[in-house]
Amino acid sequence: MPAITPARLAEVQRQFTGALTQVPPMHSALKKDGKALYEYARAGIEVEREARQVTVFGLELSLLDATRLKIVARVSKGTYIRTLGEDIGAALGCGAHLLSLRRTATGPFQLSQCITLAELEALDESERQARLLPVESLLPGHERVTLGPEDAGRFLSGLRRRGGWRDAEQVAVFGEAPPALLGTAHVKAGELIPSRLLSPIEIQQILGVAEPENV
């Protein structure tokens, strides 16, 4: 086994930063012929998987001791960290498997914003409500469009709406009545084109959280 020197570690770190191709592991929820891969794996069956393109935006490798390596990675959606660890071990010539895995951020949300269930249960109702983030926090970088009742109903039916909006790739669409997120869209040439829509039941659930007195 080659010695894992700082220079070798830096070389592998560069090798696994940027666009990569990964073969999804058998123990994953991806489906083949309507069946999750992990179901095949549990039955002792290995099936062919198509390689996927992923991106590692940032990677830090550091040796903890002679047998353990710490990996800190910032990756695109669909990246398998266990596979990344195994591939890094293979590139180092020693092999590797994950001892532990911890997600420290997802999208705009950081670990520092998290609260445990036990901590949440210890709060009173007003404190719990204060810890909740508004639904639009799930849509950073989206333009906001608010529709009146008639247009909102048509939008929820999947119909395009026309207005004086500027072109935008990412739009969060809200209704005036009820005052709730309806879905996402994009605007092209003054047309608001639905992308993803919430169901009326989901909208009522959102309103129930936002206005507990109406529940």
N, C-alpha and C. Protein backbone atom coordinates (compact mmCIF):
# COMPACT_ATOMS: atom_id res chain seq x y z
N MET A 1 0.84 -1.19 0.00
CA MET A 1 0.00 0.00 0.00
C MET A 1 0.88 1.24 0.00
N PRO A 2 0.64 2.19 -0.93
CA PRO A 2 1.46 3.40 -0.96
C PRO A 2 1.23 4.24 0.27
N ALA A 3 2.27 4.95 0.69
CA ALA A 3 2.16 5.83 1.86
C ALA A 3 1.22 6.98 1.55
N ILE A 4 0.38 7.30 2.52
CA ILE A 4 -0.57 8.42 2.34
C ILE A 4 0.10 9.68 2.86
N THR A 5 0.83 10.32 2.00
CA THR A 5 1.53 11.56 2.35
C THR A 5 0.60 12.75 2.13
N PRO A 6 0.93 13.91 2.72
CA PRO A 6 0.13 15.11 2.46
C PRO A 6 0.01 15.43 0.97
N ALA A 7 1.11 15.21 0.24
CA ALA A 7 1.09 15.48 -1.20
C ALA A 7 0.12 14.54 -1.92
N ARG A 8 0.13 13.26 -1.53
CA ARG A 8 -0.76 12.28 -2.15
C ARG A 8 -2.23 12.60 -1.80
N LEU A 9 -2.45 13.01 -0.57
CA LEU A 9 -3.80 13.37 -0.14
C LEU A 9 -4.31 14.58 -0.93
N ALA A 10 -3.45 15.56 -1.13
CA ALA A 10 -3.83 16.75 -1.88
C ALA A 10 -4.14 16.40 -3.34
N GLU A 11 -3.36 15.45 -3.89
CA GLU A 11 -3.58 15.03 -5.27
C GLU A 11 -4.95 14.35 -5.43
N VAL A 12 -5.29 13.47 -4.49
CA VAL A 12 -6.59 12.78 -4.54
C VAL A 12 -7.72 13.76 -4.28
N GLN A 13 -7.49 14.72 -3.42
CA GLN A 13 -8.50 15.74 -3.15
C GLN A 13 -8.83 16.50 -4.43
N ARG A 14 -7.81 16.87 -5.20
CA ARG A 14 -8.04 17.55 -6.48
C ARG A 14 -8.76 16.63 -7.46
N GLN A 15 -8.39 15.34 -7.45
CA GLN A 15 -8.97 14.36 -8.36
C GLN A 15 -10.48 14.22 -8.17
N PHE A 16 -10.93 14.35 -6.92
CA PHE A 16 -12.35 14.14 -6.62
C PHE A 16 -13.11 15.45 -6.38
N THR A 17 -12.56 16.56 -6.85
CA THR A 17 -13.27 17.83 -6.80
C THR A 17 -13.70 18.20 -8.22
N GLY A 18 -14.97 18.60 -8.36
CA GLY A 18 -15.50 18.94 -9.67
C GLY A 18 -16.50 17.90 -10.15
N ALA A 19 -16.67 17.82 -11.46
CA ALA A 19 -17.63 16.88 -12.05
C ALA A 19 -17.08 15.46 -11.96
N LEU A 20 -17.91 14.53 -11.44
CA LEU A 20 -17.52 13.14 -11.29
C LEU A 20 -18.62 12.23 -11.84
N THR A 21 -18.23 10.99 -12.12
CA THR A 21 -19.20 9.97 -12.51
C THR A 21 -19.25 8.93 -11.40
N GLN A 22 -20.47 8.64 -10.93
CA GLN A 22 -20.66 7.66 -9.85
C GLN A 22 -21.62 6.56 -10.30
N VAL A 23 -21.34 5.36 -9.89
CA VAL A 23 -22.27 4.26 -10.06
C VAL A 23 -23.05 4.12 -8.75
N PRO A 24 -24.36 4.29 -8.76
CA PRO A 24 -25.14 4.21 -7.51
C PRO A 24 -24.93 2.87 -6.82
N PRO A 25 -24.84 2.87 -5.49
CA PRO A 25 -24.65 1.61 -4.75
C PRO A 25 -25.91 0.77 -4.78
N MET A 26 -25.74 -0.53 -4.56
CA MET A 26 -26.90 -1.42 -4.52
C MET A 26 -27.80 -1.10 -3.34
N HIS A 27 -27.24 -0.67 -2.24
CA HIS A 27 -28.07 -0.30 -1.09
C HIS A 27 -28.49 1.16 -1.22
N SER A 28 -29.39 1.42 -2.16
CA SER A 28 -29.95 2.76 -2.36
C SER A 28 -31.41 2.62 -2.74
N ALA A 29 -32.11 3.76 -2.72
CA ALA A 29 -33.56 3.74 -2.99
C ALA A 29 -33.89 3.91 -4.46
N LEU A 30 -32.87 4.01 -5.30
CA LEU A 30 -33.13 4.09 -6.74
C LEU A 30 -33.87 2.84 -7.20
N LYS A 31 -34.74 3.02 -8.18
CA LYS A 31 -35.56 1.89 -8.61
C LYS A 31 -35.14 1.36 -9.97
N LYS A 32 -35.26 0.05 -10.11
CA LYS A 32 -35.05 -0.61 -11.40
C LYS A 32 -36.23 -1.56 -11.60
N ASP A 33 -36.93 -1.38 -12.70
CA ASP A 33 -38.12 -2.18 -12.99
C ASP A 33 -39.14 -2.09 -11.85
N GLY A 34 -39.28 -0.87 -11.30
CA GLY A 34 -40.27 -0.64 -10.25
C GLY A 34 -39.90 -1.13 -8.87
N LYS A 35 -38.66 -1.55 -8.69
CA LYS A 35 -38.23 -2.12 -7.42
C LYS A 35 -36.98 -1.41 -6.94
N ALA A 36 -36.94 -1.03 -5.65
CA ALA A 36 -35.77 -0.33 -5.11
C ALA A 36 -34.53 -1.22 -5.15
N LEU A 37 -33.38 -0.61 -5.41
CA LEU A 37 -32.14 -1.39 -5.49
C LEU A 37 -31.85 -2.13 -4.20
N TYR A 38 -32.17 -1.50 -3.05
CA TYR A 38 -31.86 -2.18 -1.79
C TYR A 38 -32.65 -3.46 -1.62
N GLU A 39 -33.80 -3.57 -2.29
CA GLU A 39 -34.57 -4.80 -2.23
C GLU A 39 -33.84 -5.93 -2.95
N TYR A 40 -33.23 -5.60 -4.09
CA TYR A 40 -32.40 -6.59 -4.80
C TYR A 40 -31.21 -6.98 -3.93
N ALA A 41 -30.58 -5.95 -3.33
CA ALA A 41 -29.38 -6.21 -2.52
C ALA A 41 -29.69 -7.14 -1.35
N ARG A 42 -30.83 -6.91 -0.69
CA ARG A 42 -31.21 -7.75 0.44
C ARG A 42 -31.49 -9.18 0.01
N ALA A 43 -31.87 -9.35 -1.25
CA ALA A 43 -32.12 -10.69 -1.77
C ALA A 43 -30.85 -11.32 -2.34
N GLY A 44 -29.72 -10.61 -2.21
CA GLY A 44 -28.46 -11.15 -2.72
C GLY A 44 -28.30 -11.02 -4.21
N ILE A 45 -29.08 -10.14 -4.84
CA ILE A 45 -29.04 -9.96 -6.29
C ILE A 45 -28.39 -8.63 -6.62
N GLU A 46 -27.42 -8.64 -7.51
CA GLU A 46 -26.79 -7.40 -7.97
C GLU A 46 -27.23 -7.14 -9.40
N VAL A 47 -27.72 -5.93 -9.65
CA VAL A 47 -28.19 -5.57 -10.99
C VAL A 47 -27.30 -4.46 -11.55
N GLU A 48 -27.33 -4.33 -12.85
CA GLU A 48 -26.52 -3.32 -13.52
C GLU A 48 -27.10 -1.93 -13.23
N ARG A 49 -26.24 -0.99 -12.89
CA ARG A 49 -26.68 0.38 -12.63
C ARG A 49 -25.96 1.33 -13.57
N GLU A 50 -26.70 2.30 -14.06
CA GLU A 50 -26.12 3.28 -14.97
C GLU A 50 -25.37 4.35 -14.17
N ALA A 51 -24.18 4.70 -14.62
CA ALA A 51 -23.39 5.73 -13.96
C ALA A 51 -24.10 7.08 -14.08
N ARG A 52 -23.93 7.92 -13.03
CA ARG A 52 -24.58 9.23 -12.99
C ARG A 52 -23.54 10.33 -12.81
N GLN A 53 -23.85 11.49 -13.38
CA GLN A 53 -22.96 12.65 -13.25
C GLN A 53 -23.32 13.42 -11.99
N VAL A 54 -22.34 13.67 -11.15
CA VAL A 54 -22.53 14.47 -9.94
C VAL A 54 -21.42 15.51 -9.87
N THR A 55 -21.54 16.43 -8.93
CA THR A 55 -20.51 17.46 -8.78
C THR A 55 -20.10 17.59 -7.32
N VAL A 56 -18.81 17.58 -7.08
CA VAL A 56 -18.26 17.87 -5.75
C VAL A 56 -17.73 19.30 -5.80
N PHE A 57 -18.45 20.21 -5.17
CA PHE A 57 -18.09 21.62 -5.23
C PHE A 57 -16.91 21.95 -4.33
N GLY A 58 -16.78 21.23 -3.24
CA GLY A 58 -15.67 21.46 -2.33
C GLY A 58 -15.34 20.17 -1.58
N LEU A 59 -14.06 19.92 -1.35
CA LEU A 59 -13.64 18.67 -0.69
C LEU A 59 -12.41 18.93 0.16
N GLU A 60 -12.46 18.46 1.40
CA GLU A 60 -11.31 18.54 2.31
C GLU A 60 -11.02 17.15 2.86
N LEU A 61 -9.80 16.68 2.69
CA LEU A 61 -9.37 15.38 3.20
C LEU A 61 -8.28 15.61 4.24
N SER A 62 -8.43 14.95 5.38
CA SER A 62 -7.41 15.07 6.43
C SER A 62 -7.29 13.75 7.18
N LEU A 63 -6.07 13.35 7.45
CA LEU A 63 -5.82 12.11 8.19
C LEU A 63 -6.03 12.34 9.69
N LEU A 64 -6.84 11.50 10.30
CA LEU A 64 -7.03 11.56 11.74
C LEU A 64 -5.99 10.73 12.47
N ASP A 65 -5.68 9.58 11.88
CA ASP A 65 -4.62 8.71 12.38
C ASP A 65 -4.23 7.76 11.26
N ALA A 66 -3.53 6.69 11.57
CA ALA A 66 -3.00 5.80 10.52
C ALA A 66 -4.10 5.08 9.73
N THR A 67 -5.30 4.98 10.31
CA THR A 67 -6.35 4.19 9.64
C THR A 67 -7.62 4.97 9.36
N ARG A 68 -7.69 6.23 9.79
CA ARG A 68 -8.93 6.98 9.61
C ARG A 68 -8.70 8.30 8.87
N LEU A 69 -9.60 8.55 7.95
CA LEU A 69 -9.54 9.75 7.12
C LEU A 69 -10.84 10.53 7.29
N LYS A 70 -10.73 11.84 7.51
CA LYS A 70 -11.91 12.68 7.62
C LYS A 70 -12.18 13.33 6.27
N ILE A 71 -13.44 13.23 5.82
CA ILE A 71 -13.86 13.81 4.54
C ILE A 71 -14.93 14.87 4.82
N VAL A 72 -14.71 16.09 4.36
CA VAL A 72 -15.72 17.14 4.41
C VAL A 72 -16.02 17.52 2.97
N ALA A 73 -17.27 17.32 2.54
CA ALA A 73 -17.60 17.53 1.14
C ALA A 73 -18.85 18.39 0.99
N ARG A 74 -18.83 19.24 -0.01
CA ARG A 74 -20.02 20.01 -0.41
C ARG A 74 -20.37 19.54 -1.82
N VAL A 75 -21.53 18.92 -1.95
CA VAL A 75 -21.82 18.17 -3.17
C VAL A 75 -23.18 18.53 -3.75
N SER A 76 -23.39 18.11 -5.00
CA SER A 76 -24.66 18.32 -5.67
C SER A 76 -25.66 17.27 -5.24
N LYS A 77 -26.92 17.53 -5.53
CA LYS A 77 -27.99 16.57 -5.27
C LYS A 77 -27.68 15.26 -6.00
N GLY A 78 -27.95 14.13 -5.33
CA GLY A 78 -27.76 12.84 -5.97
C GLY A 78 -26.39 12.23 -5.75
N THR A 79 -25.50 12.93 -5.02
CA THR A 79 -24.17 12.39 -4.74
C THR A 79 -24.25 11.38 -3.60
N TYR A 80 -23.63 10.23 -3.78
CA TYR A 80 -23.59 9.21 -2.72
C TYR A 80 -22.27 9.33 -1.98
N ILE A 81 -22.34 9.76 -0.72
CA ILE A 81 -21.13 10.00 0.06
C ILE A 81 -20.41 8.69 0.36
N ARG A 82 -21.16 7.64 0.62
CA ARG A 82 -20.51 6.34 0.87
C ARG A 82 -19.71 5.89 -0.35
N THR A 83 -20.28 6.09 -1.53
CA THR A 83 -19.55 5.75 -2.76
C THR A 83 -18.34 6.64 -2.93
N LEU A 84 -18.49 7.93 -2.61
CA LEU A 84 -17.35 8.85 -2.69
C LEU A 84 -16.23 8.39 -1.78
N GLY A 85 -16.58 7.99 -0.55
CA GLY A 85 -15.56 7.50 0.38
C GLY A 85 -14.86 6.25 -0.14
N GLU A 86 -15.63 5.32 -0.70
CA GLU A 86 -15.04 4.09 -1.24
C GLU A 86 -14.13 4.41 -2.42
N ASP A 87 -14.55 5.33 -3.28
CA ASP A 87 -13.74 5.69 -4.45
C ASP A 87 -12.45 6.40 -4.04
N ILE A 88 -12.53 7.24 -3.01
CA ILE A 88 -11.33 7.91 -2.52
C ILE A 88 -10.36 6.88 -1.94
N GLY A 89 -10.89 5.92 -1.18
CA GLY A 89 -10.04 4.86 -0.63
C GLY A 89 -9.36 4.06 -1.72
N ALA A 90 -10.11 3.76 -2.81
CA ALA A 90 -9.52 3.01 -3.93
C ALA A 90 -8.42 3.83 -4.60
N ALA A 91 -8.64 5.15 -4.74
CA ALA A 91 -7.63 6.00 -5.36
C ALA A 91 -6.37 6.10 -4.51
N LEU A 92 -6.55 6.01 -3.19
CA LEU A 92 -5.38 6.05 -2.28
C LEU A 92 -4.66 4.71 -2.23
N GLY A 93 -5.30 3.66 -2.77
CA GLY A 93 -4.67 2.35 -2.83
C GLY A 93 -4.82 1.52 -1.58
N CYS A 94 -5.72 1.94 -0.66
CA CYS A 94 -5.87 1.21 0.60
C CYS A 94 -7.29 0.72 0.83
N GLY A 95 -8.24 1.22 0.04
CA GLY A 95 -9.64 0.86 0.27
C GLY A 95 -10.20 1.67 1.43
N ALA A 96 -11.53 1.80 1.50
CA ALA A 96 -12.13 2.57 2.57
C ALA A 96 -13.62 2.26 2.68
N HIS A 97 -14.16 2.46 3.88
CA HIS A 97 -15.61 2.43 4.09
C HIS A 97 -15.93 3.46 5.16
N LEU A 98 -17.18 3.91 5.16
CA LEU A 98 -17.57 4.96 6.11
C LEU A 98 -17.80 4.39 7.50
N LEU A 99 -17.23 5.06 8.51
CA LEU A 99 -17.50 4.72 9.91
C LEU A 99 -18.70 5.52 10.43
N SER A 100 -18.85 6.74 9.94
CA SER A 100 -19.98 7.58 10.35
C SER A 100 -20.23 8.61 9.26
N LEU A 101 -21.43 9.15 9.25
CA LEU A 101 -21.82 10.13 8.24
C LEU A 101 -22.73 11.17 8.89
N ARG A 102 -22.42 12.43 8.66
CA ARG A 102 -23.23 13.50 9.25
C ARG A 102 -23.46 14.59 8.22
N ARG A 103 -24.73 14.91 8.00
CA ARG A 103 -25.08 16.03 7.11
C ARG A 103 -25.02 17.32 7.92
N THR A 104 -24.23 18.27 7.47
CA THR A 104 -24.06 19.53 8.20
C THR A 104 -24.83 20.68 7.56
N ALA A 105 -25.34 20.48 6.34
CA ALA A 105 -26.13 21.52 5.68
C ALA A 105 -26.90 20.88 4.54
N THR A 106 -28.04 21.48 4.22
CA THR A 106 -28.77 21.08 3.02
C THR A 106 -29.42 22.34 2.45
N GLY A 107 -29.09 22.66 1.20
CA GLY A 107 -29.58 23.90 0.62
C GLY A 107 -29.14 25.07 1.47
N PRO A 108 -30.07 25.97 1.84
CA PRO A 108 -29.69 27.15 2.64
C PRO A 108 -29.69 26.88 4.14
N PHE A 109 -30.02 25.67 4.56
CA PHE A 109 -30.18 25.37 5.98
C PHE A 109 -28.90 24.78 6.56
N GLN A 110 -28.51 25.30 7.73
CA GLN A 110 -27.28 24.90 8.39
C GLN A 110 -27.56 24.10 9.66
N LEU A 111 -26.59 23.32 10.08
CA LEU A 111 -26.73 22.52 11.29
C LEU A 111 -27.03 23.39 12.51
N SER A 112 -26.50 24.61 12.52
CA SER A 112 -26.71 25.50 13.66
C SER A 112 -28.18 25.90 13.83
N GLN A 113 -28.98 25.74 12.78
CA GLN A 113 -30.40 26.08 12.84
C GLN A 113 -31.26 24.93 13.36
N CYS A 114 -30.66 23.76 13.53
CA CYS A 114 -31.43 22.57 13.89
C CYS A 114 -31.79 22.56 15.37
N ILE A 115 -32.85 21.83 15.68
CA ILE A 115 -33.28 21.63 17.05
C ILE A 115 -33.73 20.17 17.18
N THR A 116 -33.42 19.54 18.28
CA THR A 116 -33.81 18.14 18.45
C THR A 116 -35.29 18.05 18.82
N LEU A 117 -35.87 16.86 18.63
CA LEU A 117 -37.27 16.66 19.01
C LEU A 117 -37.48 16.88 20.51
N ALA A 118 -36.50 16.43 21.30
CA ALA A 118 -36.61 16.62 22.75
C ALA A 118 -36.62 18.10 23.10
N GLU A 119 -35.78 18.89 22.45
CA GLU A 119 -35.74 20.34 22.70
C GLU A 119 -37.05 20.99 22.26
N LEU A 120 -37.58 20.53 21.12
CA LEU A 120 -38.84 21.09 20.62
C LEU A 120 -39.99 20.78 21.57
N GLU A 121 -40.02 19.56 22.09
CA GLU A 121 -41.08 19.16 23.00
C GLU A 121 -41.04 19.96 24.31
N ALA A 122 -39.84 20.42 24.68
CA ALA A 122 -39.70 21.16 25.94
C ALA A 122 -40.19 22.61 25.83
N LEU A 123 -40.43 23.09 24.61
CA LEU A 123 -40.89 24.46 24.40
C LEU A 123 -42.40 24.54 24.54
N ASP A 124 -42.89 25.73 24.91
CA ASP A 124 -44.34 25.92 24.89
C ASP A 124 -44.78 26.24 23.46
N GLU A 125 -46.09 26.31 23.23
CA GLU A 125 -46.62 26.44 21.87
C GLU A 125 -46.11 27.68 21.15
N SER A 126 -46.07 28.82 21.84
CA SER A 126 -45.61 30.05 21.19
C SER A 126 -44.13 29.96 20.81
N GLU A 127 -43.33 29.32 21.66
CA GLU A 127 -41.90 29.17 21.36
C GLU A 127 -41.70 28.23 20.18
N ARG A 128 -42.51 27.19 20.09
CA ARG A 128 -42.43 26.28 18.95
C ARG A 128 -42.75 27.01 17.65
N GLN A 129 -43.83 27.80 17.69
CA GLN A 129 -44.21 28.55 16.50
C GLN A 129 -43.09 29.51 16.07
N ALA A 130 -42.42 30.09 17.05
CA ALA A 130 -41.34 31.04 16.76
C ALA A 130 -40.15 30.36 16.09
N ARG A 131 -39.97 29.05 16.35
CA ARG A 131 -38.85 28.32 15.75
C ARG A 131 -39.14 27.88 14.32
N LEU A 132 -40.42 27.92 13.93
CA LEU A 132 -40.77 27.49 12.58
C LEU A 132 -40.38 28.55 11.56
N LEU A 133 -39.86 28.11 10.42
CA LEU A 133 -39.49 29.03 9.35
C LEU A 133 -40.66 29.17 8.38
N PRO A 134 -40.82 30.33 7.75
CA PRO A 134 -41.88 30.49 6.75
C PRO A 134 -41.63 29.58 5.56
N VAL A 135 -42.70 29.19 4.87
CA VAL A 135 -42.58 28.24 3.77
C VAL A 135 -41.67 28.77 2.66
N GLU A 136 -41.64 30.10 2.46
CA GLU A 136 -40.81 30.64 1.39
C GLU A 136 -39.31 30.47 1.65
N SER A 137 -38.94 30.10 2.88
CA SER A 137 -37.53 29.84 3.16
C SER A 137 -37.03 28.63 2.37
N LEU A 138 -37.97 27.80 1.88
CA LEU A 138 -37.60 26.65 1.05
C LEU A 138 -37.28 27.06 -0.38
N LEU A 139 -37.54 28.31 -0.72
CA LEU A 139 -37.39 28.76 -2.11
C LEU A 139 -36.48 29.98 -2.21
N PRO A 140 -35.24 29.86 -1.75
CA PRO A 140 -34.33 31.01 -1.83
C PRO A 140 -34.05 31.36 -3.29
N GLY A 141 -33.95 32.64 -3.57
CA GLY A 141 -33.62 33.07 -4.92
C GLY A 141 -34.80 33.11 -5.87
N HIS A 142 -36.01 32.80 -5.38
CA HIS A 142 -37.20 32.85 -6.22
C HIS A 142 -37.83 34.24 -6.18
N GLU A 143 -38.25 34.71 -7.35
CA GLU A 143 -39.08 35.91 -7.41
C GLU A 143 -40.44 35.58 -6.80
N ARG A 144 -41.11 36.59 -6.26
CA ARG A 144 -42.42 36.36 -5.64
C ARG A 144 -43.51 36.98 -6.51
N VAL A 145 -44.55 36.20 -6.81
CA VAL A 145 -45.72 36.66 -7.54
C VAL A 145 -46.95 36.32 -6.71
N THR A 146 -47.84 37.29 -6.53
CA THR A 146 -49.07 37.06 -5.77
C THR A 146 -50.26 37.18 -6.72
N LEU A 147 -51.14 36.20 -6.68
CA LEU A 147 -52.30 36.16 -7.57
C LEU A 147 -53.59 36.37 -6.79
N GLY A 148 -54.56 37.02 -7.44
CA GLY A 148 -55.89 37.16 -6.88
C GLY A 148 -56.62 35.83 -6.91
N PRO A 149 -57.80 35.74 -6.27
CA PRO A 149 -58.51 34.47 -6.14
C PRO A 149 -58.79 33.76 -7.47
N GLU A 150 -59.24 34.49 -8.48
CA GLU A 150 -59.59 33.85 -9.75
C GLU A 150 -58.34 33.30 -10.44
N ASP A 151 -57.30 34.14 -10.53
CA ASP A 151 -56.06 33.67 -11.17
C ASP A 151 -55.41 32.56 -10.37
N ALA A 152 -55.52 32.63 -9.03
CA ALA A 152 -54.93 31.59 -8.19
C ALA A 152 -55.58 30.24 -8.47
N GLY A 153 -56.92 30.25 -8.59
CA GLY A 153 -57.62 29.01 -8.88
C GLY A 153 -57.23 28.43 -10.23
N ARG A 154 -57.11 29.28 -11.22
CA ARG A 154 -56.72 28.80 -12.55
C ARG A 154 -55.27 28.30 -12.55
N PHE A 155 -54.41 29.03 -11.82
CA PHE A 155 -53.01 28.58 -11.72
C PHE A 155 -52.93 27.20 -11.09
N LEU A 156 -53.71 26.96 -10.02
CA LEU A 156 -53.71 25.66 -9.35
C LEU A 156 -54.27 24.55 -10.24
N SER A 157 -54.98 24.94 -11.30
CA SER A 157 -55.47 23.96 -12.27
C SER A 157 -54.43 23.68 -13.35
N GLY A 158 -53.27 24.35 -13.24
CA GLY A 158 -52.19 24.12 -14.20
C GLY A 158 -52.21 25.06 -15.38
N LEU A 159 -53.08 26.09 -15.33
CA LEU A 159 -53.20 27.02 -16.46
C LEU A 159 -52.18 28.16 -16.34
N ARG A 160 -51.69 28.59 -17.49
CA ARG A 160 -50.79 29.73 -17.52
C ARG A 160 -51.58 31.01 -17.28
N ARG A 161 -50.93 31.98 -16.67
CA ARG A 161 -51.55 33.29 -16.46
C ARG A 161 -50.68 34.35 -17.12
N ARG A 162 -51.33 35.39 -17.61
CA ARG A 162 -50.59 36.47 -18.28
C ARG A 162 -50.65 37.74 -17.42
N GLY A 163 -49.52 38.42 -17.34
CA GLY A 163 -49.45 39.64 -16.55
C GLY A 163 -48.22 40.45 -16.91
N GLY A 164 -47.95 41.46 -16.12
CA GLY A 164 -46.83 42.35 -16.42
C GLY A 164 -45.55 41.96 -15.73
N TRP A 165 -45.34 40.67 -15.53
CA TRP A 165 -44.16 40.22 -14.81
C TRP A 165 -42.95 40.17 -15.74
N ARG A 166 -41.80 40.42 -15.17
CA ARG A 166 -40.57 40.29 -15.96
C ARG A 166 -40.16 38.83 -16.03
N ASP A 167 -39.39 38.49 -17.04
CA ASP A 167 -38.93 37.11 -17.20
C ASP A 167 -38.12 36.67 -15.98
N ALA A 168 -38.39 35.46 -15.53
CA ALA A 168 -37.67 34.91 -14.36
C ALA A 168 -37.71 33.40 -14.45
N GLU A 169 -36.58 32.76 -14.13
CA GLU A 169 -36.48 31.30 -14.19
C GLU A 169 -37.12 30.64 -12.97
N GLN A 170 -37.08 31.32 -11.83
CA GLN A 170 -37.59 30.74 -10.59
C GLN A 170 -38.56 31.72 -9.92
N VAL A 171 -39.80 31.29 -9.79
CA VAL A 171 -40.84 32.14 -9.23
C VAL A 171 -41.60 31.36 -8.16
N ALA A 172 -41.81 31.97 -7.00
CA ALA A 172 -42.68 31.42 -5.97
C ALA A 172 -44.02 32.12 -6.09
N VAL A 173 -45.09 31.34 -6.29
CA VAL A 173 -46.41 31.90 -6.55
C VAL A 173 -47.28 31.77 -5.30
N PHE A 174 -47.83 32.89 -4.85
CA PHE A 174 -48.68 32.93 -3.67
C PHE A 174 -50.08 33.40 -4.07
N GLY A 175 -51.06 33.01 -3.26
CA GLY A 175 -52.41 33.50 -3.44
C GLY A 175 -52.72 34.56 -2.40
N GLU A 176 -53.59 35.51 -2.78
CA GLU A 176 -54.03 36.53 -1.81
C GLU A 176 -55.03 35.93 -0.83
N ALA A 177 -55.93 35.12 -1.36
CA ALA A 177 -56.96 34.50 -0.53
C ALA A 177 -57.22 33.09 -1.07
N PRO A 178 -56.73 32.06 -0.39
CA PRO A 178 -56.03 32.12 0.90
C PRO A 178 -54.59 32.61 0.74
N PRO A 179 -54.04 33.23 1.79
CA PRO A 179 -52.66 33.73 1.72
C PRO A 179 -51.67 32.58 1.91
N ALA A 180 -51.42 31.84 0.85
CA ALA A 180 -50.58 30.65 0.98
C ALA A 180 -49.76 30.45 -0.29
N LEU A 181 -48.68 29.71 -0.16
CA LEU A 181 -47.89 29.32 -1.32
C LEU A 181 -48.69 28.37 -2.18
N LEU A 182 -48.79 28.66 -3.48
CA LEU A 182 -49.53 27.81 -4.41
C LEU A 182 -48.63 26.85 -5.17
N GLY A 183 -47.39 27.28 -5.39
CA GLY A 183 -46.47 26.44 -6.15
C GLY A 183 -45.33 27.28 -6.71
N THR A 184 -44.61 26.69 -7.65
CA THR A 184 -43.51 27.40 -8.31
C THR A 184 -43.78 27.48 -9.80
N ALA A 185 -43.11 28.42 -10.45
CA ALA A 185 -43.34 28.64 -11.87
C ALA A 185 -42.13 29.35 -12.46
N HIS A 186 -42.21 29.66 -13.74
CA HIS A 186 -41.25 30.58 -14.35
C HIS A 186 -42.03 31.53 -15.25
N VAL A 187 -41.47 32.68 -15.50
CA VAL A 187 -42.13 33.69 -16.33
C VAL A 187 -41.34 33.87 -17.62
N LYS A 188 -42.07 33.80 -18.73
CA LYS A 188 -41.45 34.01 -20.04
C LYS A 188 -42.42 34.83 -20.89
N ALA A 189 -41.94 35.96 -21.39
CA ALA A 189 -42.74 36.85 -22.24
C ALA A 189 -44.08 37.20 -21.59
N GLY A 190 -44.05 37.48 -20.30
CA GLY A 190 -45.25 37.90 -19.60
C GLY A 190 -46.18 36.78 -19.20
N GLU A 191 -45.81 35.54 -19.46
CA GLU A 191 -46.64 34.41 -19.08
C GLU A 191 -46.08 33.72 -17.85
N LEU A 192 -46.95 33.49 -16.87
CA LEU A 192 -46.58 32.75 -15.66
C LEU A 192 -46.89 31.28 -15.92
N ILE A 193 -45.85 30.47 -16.02
CA ILE A 193 -45.98 29.07 -16.45
C ILE A 193 -45.74 28.16 -15.26
N PRO A 194 -46.75 27.39 -14.81
CA PRO A 194 -46.58 26.53 -13.63
C PRO A 194 -45.49 25.50 -13.80
N SER A 195 -44.74 25.26 -12.72
CA SER A 195 -43.73 24.20 -12.69
C SER A 195 -44.18 23.08 -11.75
N ARG A 196 -44.37 23.44 -10.48
CA ARG A 196 -44.86 22.50 -9.48
C ARG A 196 -45.98 23.17 -8.68
N LEU A 197 -47.04 22.41 -8.44
CA LEU A 197 -48.22 22.95 -7.76
C LEU A 197 -48.47 22.20 -6.46
N LEU A 198 -48.92 22.94 -5.44
CA LEU A 198 -49.38 22.32 -4.21
C LEU A 198 -50.84 21.95 -4.38
N SER A 199 -51.25 20.89 -3.71
CA SER A 199 -52.66 20.51 -3.74
C SER A 199 -53.44 21.39 -2.77
N PRO A 200 -54.75 21.55 -2.97
CA PRO A 200 -55.55 22.33 -2.00
C PRO A 200 -55.42 21.81 -0.57
N ILE A 201 -55.28 20.48 -0.41
CA ILE A 201 -55.13 19.91 0.94
C ILE A 201 -53.83 20.41 1.57
N GLU A 202 -52.75 20.43 0.77
CA GLU A 202 -51.47 20.92 1.29
C GLU A 202 -51.56 22.39 1.67
N ILE A 203 -52.29 23.16 0.87
CA ILE A 203 -52.44 24.59 1.17
C ILE A 203 -53.19 24.78 2.48
N GLN A 204 -54.24 24.00 2.69
CA GLN A 204 -54.99 24.10 3.94
C GLN A 204 -54.13 23.70 5.14
N GLN A 205 -53.24 22.72 4.94
CA GLN A 205 -52.34 22.32 6.02
C GLN A 205 -51.39 23.45 6.37
N ILE A 206 -50.89 24.15 5.34
CA ILE A 206 -50.01 25.29 5.58
C ILE A 206 -50.74 26.37 6.34
N LEU A 207 -51.97 26.65 5.92
CA LEU A 207 -52.77 27.67 6.60
C LEU A 207 -53.07 27.26 8.03
N GLY A 208 -53.26 25.96 8.26
CA GLY A 208 -53.53 25.47 9.61
C GLY A 208 -52.35 25.70 10.52
N VAL A 209 -51.13 25.61 10.00
CA VAL A 209 -49.94 25.89 10.81
C VAL A 209 -49.79 27.39 11.03
N ALA A 210 -50.07 28.16 9.97
CA ALA A 210 -49.89 29.61 10.06
C ALA A 210 -50.97 30.29 10.89
N GLU A 211 -52.20 29.68 10.91
CA GLU A 211 -53.30 30.28 11.63
C GLU A 211 -53.98 29.25 12.53
N PRO A 212 -53.29 28.86 13.62
CA PRO A 212 -53.79 27.79 14.46
C PRO A 212 -55.17 28.04 15.02
N GLU A 213 -55.63 29.32 15.10
CA GLU A 213 -56.94 29.59 15.66
C GLU A 213 -58.05 29.10 14.74
N ASN A 214 -57.74 28.86 13.46
CA ASN A 214 -58.75 28.39 12.52
C ASN A 214 -58.84 26.87 12.47
N VAL A 215 -57.95 26.18 13.18
CA VAL A 215 -57.92 24.72 13.13
C VAL A 215 -59.09 24.17 13.94
